[in-house]
Structures are given as structure tokens and as C-alpha cells.
Protein backbone atom coordinates (compact mmCIF):
# COMPACT_ATOMS: atom_id res chain seq x y z
CA MET A 1 56.56 -29.57 79.74
CA PRO A 2 52.79 -30.34 79.60
CA ASN A 3 51.36 -32.00 76.56
CA LEU A 4 49.71 -29.50 74.18
CA ASP A 5 46.72 -31.74 73.46
CA ASN A 6 46.03 -32.18 77.16
CA ILE A 7 46.06 -28.43 77.67
CA LEU A 8 43.59 -27.90 74.84
CA ASN A 9 41.30 -30.74 75.93
CA GLN A 10 41.18 -29.44 79.50
CA ASN A 11 40.49 -25.96 78.20
CA VAL A 12 37.59 -27.04 75.97
CA ASP A 13 36.13 -29.27 78.69
CA SER A 14 36.13 -26.37 81.16
CA LEU A 15 34.49 -24.09 78.59
CA ASP A 16 31.80 -26.66 77.80
CA GLN A 17 31.08 -27.03 81.52
CA SER A 18 30.93 -23.25 81.95
CA ARG A 19 28.56 -22.98 79.00
CA SER A 20 26.13 -25.55 80.40
CA LEU A 21 26.07 -23.79 83.77
CA ARG A 22 25.60 -20.24 82.50
CA TRP A 23 23.05 -20.59 79.73
CA ASP A 24 20.04 -19.81 81.94
CA TRP A 25 17.03 -17.60 82.16
CA TYR A 26 19.11 -14.51 82.96
CA LEU A 27 20.91 -14.56 79.63
CA VAL A 28 17.80 -15.48 77.68
CA ALA A 29 15.61 -12.87 79.38
CA GLY A 30 18.26 -10.18 78.98
CA SER A 31 18.74 -10.98 75.31
CA LEU A 32 14.99 -10.95 74.64
CA GLY A 33 14.64 -7.63 76.46
CA ILE A 34 17.40 -6.05 74.38
CA PHE A 35 15.88 -7.51 71.21
CA ALA A 36 12.42 -6.15 72.07
CA LEU A 37 13.84 -2.68 72.64
CA ALA A 38 15.81 -2.93 69.40
CA LEU A 39 12.67 -3.88 67.47
CA PHE A 40 10.83 -0.88 68.86
CA LEU A 41 13.59 1.61 68.09
CA HIS A 42 14.16 0.31 64.56
CA PHE A 43 10.53 -0.03 63.46
CA TRP A 44 8.81 2.81 65.29
CA GLN A 45 7.64 5.34 62.67
CA LEU A 46 9.97 3.68 60.16
CA GLY A 47 8.18 5.21 57.19
CA THR A 48 7.69 8.72 58.59
CA ILE A 49 10.80 10.27 57.03
CA PRO A 50 10.07 10.48 53.28
CA TYR A 51 12.14 8.42 50.87
CA PRO A 52 14.88 8.96 49.68
CA VAL A 53 17.29 10.05 52.41
CA PHE A 54 21.04 10.48 51.76
CA ASP A 55 22.37 7.42 49.85
CA GLU A 56 18.91 5.86 49.67
CA SER A 57 18.68 7.69 46.36
CA LEU A 58 21.51 5.45 45.11
CA PHE A 59 21.02 2.08 46.81
CA GLY A 60 17.23 2.23 46.56
CA GLN A 61 17.44 3.00 42.85
CA TYR A 62 20.00 0.25 42.27
CA ALA A 63 17.71 -2.23 44.05
CA LYS A 64 14.66 -1.10 42.07
CA GLU A 65 16.54 -1.62 38.81
CA TYR A 66 16.80 -5.36 39.56
CA LEU A 67 13.01 -5.58 39.60
CA GLU A 68 12.90 -3.65 36.34
CA GLY A 69 15.39 -6.05 34.74
CA ASN A 70 18.15 -3.53 34.04
CA PRO A 71 20.50 -3.30 37.05
CA THR A 72 23.39 -0.86 36.95
CA TRP A 73 27.03 -1.73 37.43
CA GLU A 74 28.07 0.58 40.26
CA GLY A 75 30.72 0.80 42.95
CA HIS A 76 29.90 -2.16 45.22
CA PRO A 77 29.04 -5.87 44.91
CA PRO A 78 25.31 -6.57 44.64
CA LEU A 79 24.37 -8.48 47.83
CA GLY A 80 23.17 -5.49 49.85
CA LYS A 81 20.92 -4.34 47.02
CA TYR A 82 19.35 -7.79 46.82
CA PHE A 83 17.96 -7.33 50.34
CA ILE A 84 16.54 -3.89 49.55
CA MET A 85 15.06 -5.31 46.32
CA LEU A 86 13.44 -8.16 48.27
CA GLY A 87 11.83 -5.67 50.64
CA ILE A 88 10.36 -3.73 47.71
CA LEU A 89 9.14 -6.96 46.13
CA LEU A 90 7.45 -8.24 49.29
CA PHE A 91 6.10 -5.03 50.83
CA GLY A 92 5.85 -2.53 48.00
CA GLU A 93 7.65 0.48 46.60
CA HIS A 94 7.36 2.81 49.56
CA GLU A 95 9.36 3.82 52.63
CA PHE A 96 8.60 0.68 54.61
CA GLY A 97 9.37 -1.62 51.69
CA TYR A 98 12.71 0.02 51.02
CA ARG A 99 13.74 -0.02 54.69
CA ILE A 100 12.26 -3.23 56.12
CA PHE A 101 15.32 -5.43 55.75
CA GLY A 102 17.74 -2.81 57.04
CA ALA A 103 15.57 -2.35 60.15
CA SER A 104 15.33 -6.13 60.57
CA PHE A 105 19.07 -6.62 60.43
CA GLY A 106 19.58 -3.66 62.76
CA SER A 107 17.19 -5.18 65.30
CA ILE A 108 19.04 -8.49 65.23
CA LEU A 109 22.49 -6.90 65.40
CA PRO A 110 22.59 -6.60 69.24
CA LEU A 111 21.68 -10.31 69.48
CA LEU A 112 24.55 -11.15 67.14
CA MET A 113 26.86 -9.12 69.34
CA ILE A 114 25.64 -10.98 72.42
CA GLY A 115 26.14 -14.29 70.64
CA MET A 116 29.68 -13.47 69.54
CA VAL A 117 30.83 -12.23 72.95
CA TYR A 118 29.20 -15.12 74.81
CA ARG A 119 30.79 -17.65 72.45
CA LEU A 120 34.15 -15.99 72.99
CA THR A 121 34.03 -15.61 76.78
CA TYR A 122 31.00 -17.50 78.18
CA GLN A 123 30.49 -14.45 80.42
CA ARG A 124 26.82 -13.58 80.27
CA ASN A 125 27.10 -10.12 81.87
CA LEU A 126 29.82 -9.13 79.43
CA ALA A 127 27.77 -10.44 76.50
CA LEU A 128 24.60 -8.62 77.55
CA LEU A 129 26.42 -5.36 78.25
CA SER A 130 28.14 -5.54 74.85
CA GLY A 131 24.78 -5.99 73.13
CA PHE A 132 23.30 -3.15 75.14
CA PHE A 133 26.13 -0.78 74.24
CA LEU A 134 25.58 -1.56 70.56
CA LEU A 135 21.88 -0.89 70.99
CA SER A 136 22.76 2.45 72.62
CA ASP A 137 24.61 3.80 69.60
CA GLY A 138 23.09 6.32 67.24
CA LEU A 139 25.01 5.66 64.03
CA PHE A 140 24.00 1.99 63.99
CA LEU A 141 20.38 3.00 64.62
CA VAL A 142 20.32 5.63 61.87
CA GLU A 143 22.04 3.39 59.31
CA SER A 144 19.54 0.60 60.03
CA ARG A 145 16.43 2.73 59.58
CA PHE A 146 17.17 3.65 55.97
CA ALA A 147 17.72 1.72 52.74
CA LEU A 148 21.48 1.59 53.22
CA ILE A 149 23.79 -1.41 53.20
CA ASN A 150 26.41 -1.02 55.95
CA VAL A 151 24.20 -2.81 58.47
CA PHE A 152 24.25 -5.94 56.28
CA LEU A 153 28.05 -5.91 56.25
CA VAL A 154 28.48 -5.68 60.02
CA SER A 155 25.75 -8.29 60.59
CA PHE A 156 27.46 -10.84 58.37
CA GLY A 157 30.79 -9.94 59.98
CA LEU A 158 29.46 -10.74 63.46
CA ALA A 159 27.79 -13.90 62.15
CA SER A 160 31.13 -15.06 60.74
CA GLN A 161 32.69 -14.76 64.19
CA ILE A 162 29.82 -16.61 65.86
CA PHE A 163 30.16 -19.55 63.46
CA LEU A 164 33.94 -19.52 63.87
CA LEU A 165 33.78 -19.66 67.66
CA ALA A 166 30.94 -22.19 67.62
CA GLY A 167 32.91 -24.40 65.25
CA LEU A 168 35.99 -24.27 67.43
CA ALA A 169 33.89 -25.50 70.36
CA GLN A 170 32.75 -28.62 68.43
CA ARG A 171 34.37 -31.75 67.04
CA GLY A 172 34.21 -33.81 63.87
CA LYS A 173 31.82 -33.08 61.01
CA LEU A 174 29.85 -30.48 62.97
CA ARG A 175 33.03 -28.44 63.45
CA THR A 176 33.73 -28.50 59.71
CA PHE A 177 30.13 -27.55 58.91
CA LEU A 178 30.15 -24.57 61.29
CA LEU A 179 33.53 -23.38 60.05
CA CYS A 180 32.21 -23.60 56.48
CA CYS A 181 29.31 -21.39 57.57
CA ALA A 182 31.87 -18.96 58.98
CA GLY A 183 33.58 -18.92 55.60
CA LEU A 184 30.28 -18.28 53.82
CA MET A 185 29.61 -15.34 56.12
CA LEU A 186 33.07 -13.95 55.40
CA GLY A 187 32.19 -14.14 51.72
CA ALA A 188 28.92 -12.35 52.46
CA THR A 189 30.65 -9.42 54.18
CA ALA A 190 32.81 -8.80 51.13
CA SER A 191 29.73 -9.27 48.92
CA VAL A 192 28.13 -6.19 50.48
CA LYS A 193 31.21 -3.96 50.30
CA TRP A 194 34.87 -4.73 49.83
CA ASN A 195 35.69 -3.28 53.23
CA GLY A 196 33.98 -6.37 54.60
CA LEU A 197 37.34 -8.04 53.94
CA GLY A 198 38.38 -6.56 57.28
CA PHE A 199 36.76 -9.58 58.93
CA SER A 200 38.79 -11.91 56.72
CA LEU A 201 41.90 -9.99 57.76
CA LEU A 202 40.81 -10.48 61.38
CA LEU A 203 40.63 -14.25 60.85
CA PHE A 204 44.07 -14.31 59.26
CA LEU A 205 45.60 -12.31 62.11
CA VAL A 206 43.90 -14.41 64.79
CA VAL A 207 45.20 -17.63 63.21
CA LEU A 208 48.69 -16.15 62.92
CA TRP A 209 48.61 -14.94 66.52
CA VAL A 210 47.36 -18.23 67.99
CA TRP A 211 49.96 -20.27 66.11
CA ALA A 212 52.68 -17.83 67.24
CA ILE A 213 51.60 -18.33 70.87
CA ALA A 214 51.57 -22.12 70.38
CA LYS A 215 55.09 -22.10 68.94
CA PHE A 216 56.87 -19.56 71.12
CA PHE A 217 54.80 -19.45 74.34
CA PRO A 218 53.02 -22.83 74.61
CA LYS A 219 52.42 -22.40 78.35
CA LYS A 220 50.23 -19.37 77.58
CA LEU A 221 48.07 -21.20 75.05
CA SER A 222 45.48 -22.18 77.65
CA ARG A 223 44.91 -18.45 78.33
CA LEU A 224 43.50 -18.01 74.83
CA GLY A 225 40.29 -19.83 75.69
CA ILE A 226 38.38 -21.36 72.81
CA LEU A 227 40.70 -19.69 70.29
CA ALA A 228 43.40 -22.20 71.23
CA GLU A 229 41.42 -24.80 69.28
CA ILE A 230 42.64 -23.14 66.09
CA THR A 231 45.83 -25.15 66.44
CA LYS A 232 43.80 -28.37 66.07
CA LEU A 233 42.36 -27.58 62.66
CA HIS A 234 43.53 -29.62 59.66
CA TRP A 235 45.09 -27.94 56.64
CA TRP A 236 42.13 -28.92 54.48
CA GLN A 237 39.73 -27.23 56.91
CA TYR A 238 41.64 -23.98 56.50
CA LEU A 239 41.51 -24.38 52.72
CA LEU A 240 37.87 -25.45 52.48
CA CYS A 241 36.30 -23.29 55.16
CA PHE A 242 38.33 -20.09 54.89
CA GLY A 243 39.39 -20.27 51.25
CA VAL A 244 36.89 -22.10 49.06
CA MET A 245 33.72 -21.09 50.91
CA PRO A 246 34.24 -17.30 50.96
CA ILE A 247 35.34 -17.27 47.32
CA ALA A 248 32.39 -19.48 46.31
CA PHE A 249 29.85 -17.24 48.03
CA TYR A 250 31.39 -14.08 46.64
CA SER A 251 31.42 -15.51 43.11
CA VAL A 252 27.90 -16.96 43.10
CA GLN A 253 26.24 -13.75 44.31
CA TRP A 254 27.18 -12.07 41.02
CA ILE A 255 25.08 -14.49 38.93
CA PRO A 256 21.72 -12.62 39.18
CA LEU A 257 23.43 -9.39 38.13
CA PHE A 258 25.19 -10.98 35.16
CA MET A 259 21.99 -12.70 34.04
CA LEU A 260 20.29 -9.31 33.79
CA ASN A 261 23.28 -7.20 32.79
CA PRO A 262 26.38 -9.09 31.57
CA GLY A 263 28.15 -5.82 30.80
CA GLY A 264 28.17 -6.17 27.04
CA ILE A 265 29.37 -9.80 27.13
CA GLU A 266 27.36 -12.02 24.81
CA PRO A 267 25.87 -14.79 27.01
CA GLU A 268 26.80 -18.34 26.05
CA SER A 269 25.29 -21.73 26.89
CA GLY A 270 26.83 -24.93 28.19
CA PHE A 271 30.46 -24.71 29.24
CA GLY A 272 30.70 -21.43 27.36
CA ALA A 273 28.59 -19.86 30.13
CA ILE A 274 31.59 -20.25 32.44
CA HIS A 275 33.71 -18.28 29.99
CA SER A 276 31.15 -15.49 29.66
CA PHE A 277 30.71 -15.39 33.46
CA TRP A 278 34.47 -15.02 33.90
CA LEU A 279 34.64 -12.20 31.36
CA SER A 280 31.80 -10.34 33.11
CA PHE A 281 33.42 -11.03 36.48
CA VAL A 282 36.71 -9.49 35.39
CA ARG A 283 35.02 -6.56 33.70
CA VAL A 284 32.79 -5.67 36.68
CA HIS A 285 35.80 -5.61 38.99
CA GLU A 286 37.64 -3.33 36.61
CA HIS A 287 34.58 -1.09 36.74
CA ILE A 288 34.50 -1.07 40.56
CA LEU A 289 38.21 -0.23 40.72
CA TRP A 290 37.63 2.61 38.26
CA TRP A 291 34.64 3.84 40.28
CA HIS A 292 36.65 4.01 43.49
CA SER A 293 39.55 5.81 41.78
CA THR A 294 37.65 8.54 39.93
CA ASP A 295 38.60 12.15 40.59
CA VAL A 296 35.40 12.75 42.58
CA MET A 297 35.97 9.79 44.91
CA MET A 298 39.71 10.37 45.28
CA ASN A 299 39.42 14.00 46.35
CA ASN A 300 39.78 13.88 50.13
CA ASP A 301 41.26 17.32 50.71
CA PRO A 302 39.79 18.60 54.02
CA GLU A 303 39.88 22.16 52.66
CA HIS A 304 38.04 21.28 49.44
CA PRO A 305 36.19 17.98 49.99
CA SER A 306 34.28 16.33 47.15
CA HIS A 307 31.37 15.79 49.56
CA PRO A 308 30.44 17.99 52.56
CA TYR A 309 30.53 15.00 54.92
CA CYS A 310 33.87 13.52 53.85
CA SER A 311 36.10 12.84 56.85
CA LEU A 312 39.61 11.58 57.47
CA ALA A 313 39.85 8.07 58.90
CA PHE A 314 41.83 9.07 61.98
CA SER A 315 38.98 11.42 62.98
CA TRP A 316 36.36 8.67 63.28
CA ALA A 317 37.45 7.32 66.66
CA VAL A 318 36.74 10.71 68.27
CA LEU A 319 33.56 11.34 66.28
CA ALA A 320 34.82 14.55 64.72
CA ARG A 321 32.65 14.60 61.59
CA PRO A 322 29.23 12.87 61.57
CA VAL A 323 26.92 12.71 58.57
CA GLY A 324 23.69 14.68 58.20
CA TYR A 325 21.04 12.42 56.67
CA TYR A 326 17.90 14.53 56.75
CA PHE A 327 16.76 18.06 57.65
CA GLN A 328 13.40 19.78 57.43
CA GLU A 329 12.06 22.94 59.06
CA ARG A 330 8.31 23.25 59.52
CA ASP A 331 6.11 25.33 61.85
CA GLY A 332 9.10 26.46 63.88
CA TYR A 333 10.41 22.93 64.48
CA PHE A 334 13.40 21.08 63.09
CA THR A 335 13.11 17.48 61.97
CA VAL A 336 16.68 16.17 61.80
CA VAL A 337 18.32 12.79 61.34
CA GLN A 338 22.00 13.04 62.18
CA GLY A 339 24.35 10.10 61.65
CA LEU A 340 25.99 10.81 64.98
CA GLY A 341 27.31 8.01 67.14
CA ASN A 342 26.57 8.09 70.87
CA PRO A 343 29.38 10.54 71.78
CA LEU A 344 30.02 9.37 75.34
CA LEU A 345 29.96 5.73 74.23
CA TRP A 346 32.42 6.40 71.40
CA TRP A 347 34.84 8.47 73.45
CA LEU A 348 34.87 6.03 76.37
CA SER A 349 35.28 3.11 73.96
CA THR A 350 38.18 4.81 72.19
CA LEU A 351 39.89 5.54 75.50
CA THR A 352 39.44 1.87 76.42
CA ILE A 353 41.04 0.74 73.16
CA VAL A 354 43.99 3.05 73.82
CA GLY A 355 44.33 1.79 77.38
CA VAL A 356 44.07 -1.89 76.45
CA SER A 357 46.57 -1.39 73.62
CA ILE A 358 49.08 0.13 76.02
CA ALA A 359 48.47 -2.61 78.60
CA SER A 360 49.01 -5.32 76.00
CA VAL A 361 52.54 -4.15 75.16
CA LEU A 362 53.81 -3.09 78.58
CA PRO A 363 54.94 -6.10 80.68
CA LYS A 364 53.96 -4.48 83.99
CA LEU A 365 50.40 -3.90 82.79
CA ARG A 366 49.78 -7.18 80.96
CA GLN A 367 48.52 -8.80 84.14
CA PHE A 368 45.44 -6.56 83.98
CA ALA A 369 44.40 -7.87 80.56
CA ASN A 370 43.05 -11.27 79.55
CA ILE A 371 45.16 -11.92 76.47
CA GLY A 372 42.57 -14.22 74.92
CA ILE A 373 39.78 -11.64 75.05
CA THR A 374 41.54 -8.31 74.81
CA ASN A 375 43.97 -9.27 72.05
CA TYR A 376 41.10 -10.66 69.98
CA LEU A 377 39.22 -7.38 70.42
CA LEU A 378 42.28 -5.36 69.46
CA LEU A 379 42.81 -7.49 66.36
CA GLY A 380 39.15 -7.05 65.43
CA TYR A 381 39.33 -3.31 65.95
CA PHE A 382 42.56 -2.60 64.08
CA SER A 383 42.00 -5.07 61.22
CA ASN A 384 38.82 -3.17 60.34
CA TYR A 385 40.32 0.28 60.98
CA VAL A 386 43.99 0.47 59.96
CA PRO A 387 43.42 -0.30 56.23
CA TRP A 388 41.32 2.86 55.98
CA LEU A 389 44.27 4.98 57.05
CA ILE A 390 45.95 4.38 53.68
CA VAL A 391 42.83 4.91 51.55
CA LYS A 392 42.86 8.17 49.61
CA ARG A 393 39.24 8.36 48.45
CA CYS A 394 36.44 10.35 50.10
CA LEU A 395 35.51 8.54 53.32
CA PHE A 396 32.66 8.77 55.82
CA VAL A 397 32.30 8.01 59.51
CA TYR A 398 30.05 5.00 58.83
CA HIS A 399 33.11 3.19 57.47
CA TYR A 400 34.15 2.96 61.14
CA MET A 401 31.15 0.83 62.16
CA SER A 402 32.95 -2.53 62.06
CA SER A 403 35.74 -1.22 64.27
CA ALA A 404 33.33 0.57 66.59
CA MET A 405 31.64 -2.73 67.48
CA PHE A 406 34.87 -4.15 68.88
CA SER A 407 35.55 -0.95 70.83
CA PHE A 408 32.09 -1.24 72.43
CA VAL A 409 32.94 -4.77 73.58
CA ALA A 410 36.25 -3.52 74.96
CA LEU A 411 34.39 -0.91 77.03
CA ALA A 412 31.94 -3.55 78.25
CA TRP A 413 34.90 -5.75 79.24
CA LEU A 414 36.44 -2.87 81.19
CA VAL A 415 33.17 -2.21 83.02
CA CYS A 416 32.90 -5.89 83.95
CA GLN A 417 36.47 -5.78 85.27
CA ILE A 418 35.55 -2.75 87.38
CA PHE A 419 32.61 -4.66 88.84
CA THR A 420 35.00 -7.33 90.13
CA GLN A 421 36.76 -4.75 92.30
CA LYS A 422 35.89 -3.94 95.89
CA GLY A 423 34.99 -0.58 97.35
CA LEU A 424 33.85 2.63 95.74
CA ILE A 425 35.53 1.87 92.41
CA ARG A 426 32.61 -0.43 91.58
CA TYR A 427 30.42 2.64 91.26
CA LEU A 428 32.58 3.81 88.38
CA GLY A 429 31.17 0.92 86.33
CA TYR A 430 27.61 1.99 87.11
CA GLY A 431 28.58 5.56 86.26
CA ILE A 432 29.84 4.53 82.82
CA ILE A 433 26.62 2.64 82.05
CA ALA A 434 24.49 5.54 83.28
CA THR A 435 26.51 8.01 81.20
CA VAL A 436 25.94 5.95 78.05
CA ILE A 437 22.19 5.69 78.72
CA ILE A 438 21.78 9.41 79.45
CA SER A 439 23.71 10.25 76.29
CA GLN A 440 21.50 7.87 74.31
CA LEU A 441 18.29 9.45 75.57
CA PHE A 442 19.62 12.97 75.01
CA PHE A 443 20.52 12.39 71.35
CA MET A 444 17.60 10.11 70.48
CA PRO A 445 15.49 12.93 68.90
CA ILE A 446 18.11 13.57 66.20
CA TRP A 447 18.54 9.86 65.56
CA LEU A 448 14.83 9.12 65.09
CA GLY A 449 13.94 12.39 63.36
CA LEU A 450 11.59 13.71 66.06
CA PRO A 451 10.44 17.34 65.71
CA ILE A 452 12.37 19.54 68.13
CA LEU A 453 12.80 23.26 68.67
CA PRO A 454 15.82 24.87 66.98
CA GLU A 455 17.45 25.67 70.32
CA ASP A 456 17.08 22.02 71.39
CA PHE A 457 18.74 20.94 68.17
CA TYR A 458 21.71 23.25 68.66
CA HIS A 459 22.08 22.09 72.26
CA ARG A 460 22.90 18.68 70.75
CA ILE A 461 25.38 20.06 68.25
CA TRP A 462 28.36 20.35 70.56
CA PHE A 463 30.83 21.27 67.83
CA MET A 464 29.91 23.99 65.39
CA PRO A 465 32.20 24.67 62.39
CA ASP A 466 35.56 26.11 63.50
CA SER A 467 34.69 25.80 67.20
CA LEU A 468 37.39 23.13 67.57
CA PRO A 469 39.88 22.32 64.78
CA GLY A 470 38.82 19.20 62.91
CA PHE A 471 35.40 18.95 64.60
CA ASN A 472 32.13 19.83 62.86
CA TRP A 473 28.78 18.26 63.79
CA ILE A 474 26.66 20.33 61.38
């Protein structure tokens, strides 16, 4: 039986060699091209739609209250509002100031996707196609062009995976430093919204899975790629990087809020400040739990929803109920911003997740899947999706964004596998890419809020109320 350390060392050496060979102008040029297009789409006419739109009225107001010195205790941790506040502080209290940081994070998001996939696979075509698919989606674009906070969550989530994979590829103190950065990013995801904990769940499941492979199927460990290095981490690295660091970040980010609004707790000095911080910390979490369990938030009856855009979690993967962000009719034209994902991208990605899931459990089909890549993607997808299936409060399709990212990578992986085939089947890969691009161009007017004729708007609303049970795009 081969020595486990030798397997891991050979694996890392081969990955390092692959990395040095493939980091060339093609990857750099492709990444810069995607980034340039992302910048254009996110900043073009950013301030045209008047503030506030949808939940901008909440998050924008919460952010403004920090500058006024009286922030509100509301339903989420404060980190996302800090970024909106900083935009107002630096650029002014207007549309651009409120939205600048969301657009900036949205522009960088495809690069983060490219970085994560390349660190995982060292396949440049797969990395670039994954970033391009993310750029092609409408919900990510819409969420990034307003003063909303979901884009911060998914950005920190991807950053946590980049640092994790980069740390696994290093040795010594640099490994520990990078893994600590991964832990800080995990803390940041939960500091935007609690559903950011899905990325922490992903880490836990990946560690559990890798150690299970090492114990029960050691010969398959080399097939996990860089993830096999998880078995070489010390216990104190797990504790420091994935325990202390996320908790430290999550705890510290509350300090500005408690300094301005301690929630009725009388501030103390010296060591007493720790006591008053702890009391405020406990009280604010009691408030958040109450906020998420109020009658308004808990009503998720499809027949009598508490909000017109509430949707059931199992409907997100098929894009049954998008969110309408803005509507105006003027001079015979509609100006609409619809939080609608790229339909063809979403449906193809969902089908890929279903197919890869089936292939991963059926012995005869496992040979078609790379267990290191596909199982990681499945864990990322389901760890960010399954917890929502047991949540009873009013939910929205943008809660699916973290899972959607992993489904996009799965589709990109499938396309790259198709390109390795001979014959006419290769053209299926080109067809999938062309379909996603055509769909992106077709729906772009209702993502950017461009004036269009009413008939052109309704041509893009494929599902009117009651046209198909469970589907409603209005």
C-alpha cells in the first residue's frame, strides 16, 4: 500500500508544476476582458434609476443612520451596511454614493470566481468560463447595481474559498496565514447575513469528506487534487484558522454599532467594557432572532404571502418567482428592473447539478465525474441551499445566489468535458455558451432598466400569473 505522504507530495508537486505552466497571457487577458465588461455593466448609468429601489429603502436608511450617529438594531449583522455607509461618506448622499460599493464588489465577483475555480482545478478554460457564466447572470447584476448587501456575502464567500485553496497549496507559516485569511472571510460572510454560514458548513463538509476518503478509500485520495492537503493540517490550525478567526471577525464587527447604540446597556470603561459588550452582543442576537420569527416574516403561505415576491426555496432552482425591483411607465415606454436570473443559464445549471448528483451516486456513472471537482461543487451547492428548505419565514430568490454560483461552475465543467470529446458532440458545448449569451442579451434591458415598449417587456415575461402552476415572472 503506497505511503499517504508520498501520494500527497506527488499530488502537490504536480499541481505546482501545472500552475507554473498555465498561468500565462491567455488567463490574464481573459480575466481582464471579463473584468472590463463587468465594470461597464455594473457602472453604466448606475445612478439613472432613482433611489430608493426595493430594499434600498431599508439598507440605505440603516447605513445613513451610522453617519447620523443613531444606527438601528435590525434583522442582520452590520457589515454590509458599513460598506454602503462608506460609499455615502466618500461620494455623497445620492444614487452613486449609495450604490458604488455594491457595483464595485459586483464587478470583482467574476474575478473571484475565476480565482476560486483556477485554484481548485488549475484549468484556465474552466476558470474563465465559470467567471463568464457568472457575468452573464441577471440576478447578480441587478443585486450589484443597488444598495443591497447580498453581493457582499457571496464575494466574501468566494474569497474564503480562494484563501482556503491557496493555503492548502503552501507550506509552513504562509499556509497558516492564508488559512487564517480564509477564516476571516468566513466570519465576514456571516457578518453580512447569517445565511453566509453556508460557506462555513461547506468547509465542515469538505473536511469531513476528505478525511472519510483518507480513512476508507486512501487510494482515491490523490483524485481529490489540492483538497487532499486537508489531511496534513494540524489540529491547532483547524482551531485557529476555522474557529478563532471567524468568531473574532464576527465579534469585532459589532463594535462600531455598540459604540453608537448599545441597546440600552450603560457603557462601562476598563474591563467593564467587556461585560457591557457581551450584554449588548447577547441582546442584539435576541433581537435578530425575534425579527426573523415575527408573524410578518414567518408567513410563507403561497396563497397569502406576506410579501408579493415571497417564494418557496424549492422553486429557486427553476427560477419560478423572480423579484420586481423597479417599474415606471412614461411616454409609452416601460422602464423595468427585474431581479430575474438568466433563465437558460439557470435551467441548464440546475440540470447539470441533477446530472452530476446522479452520476456521483451511481457506480456505473462515477467514471464520468472527477470526484475532487464535482463533489466539491455539489457540497458547495447543497450546503448553501438545503438549509433554506427547512426555513419557514418569507424567502426570496436572491437567497439562492450562493448556491447558484456553484451550479454555474458545474455547467462550465460540463461544457469543458464536452469540448474534450471528438466529433459533432463538441458543438453542443458551443451551443450551450451561445444559448447563455443570447439569453443574456435578450434580457439585458430589464436588468439594466432600459426603456422598452410594453410588448417588448411582455415578450420577456415568459410566465404570467397562472400560466404555469408555481411560476410567475410579474
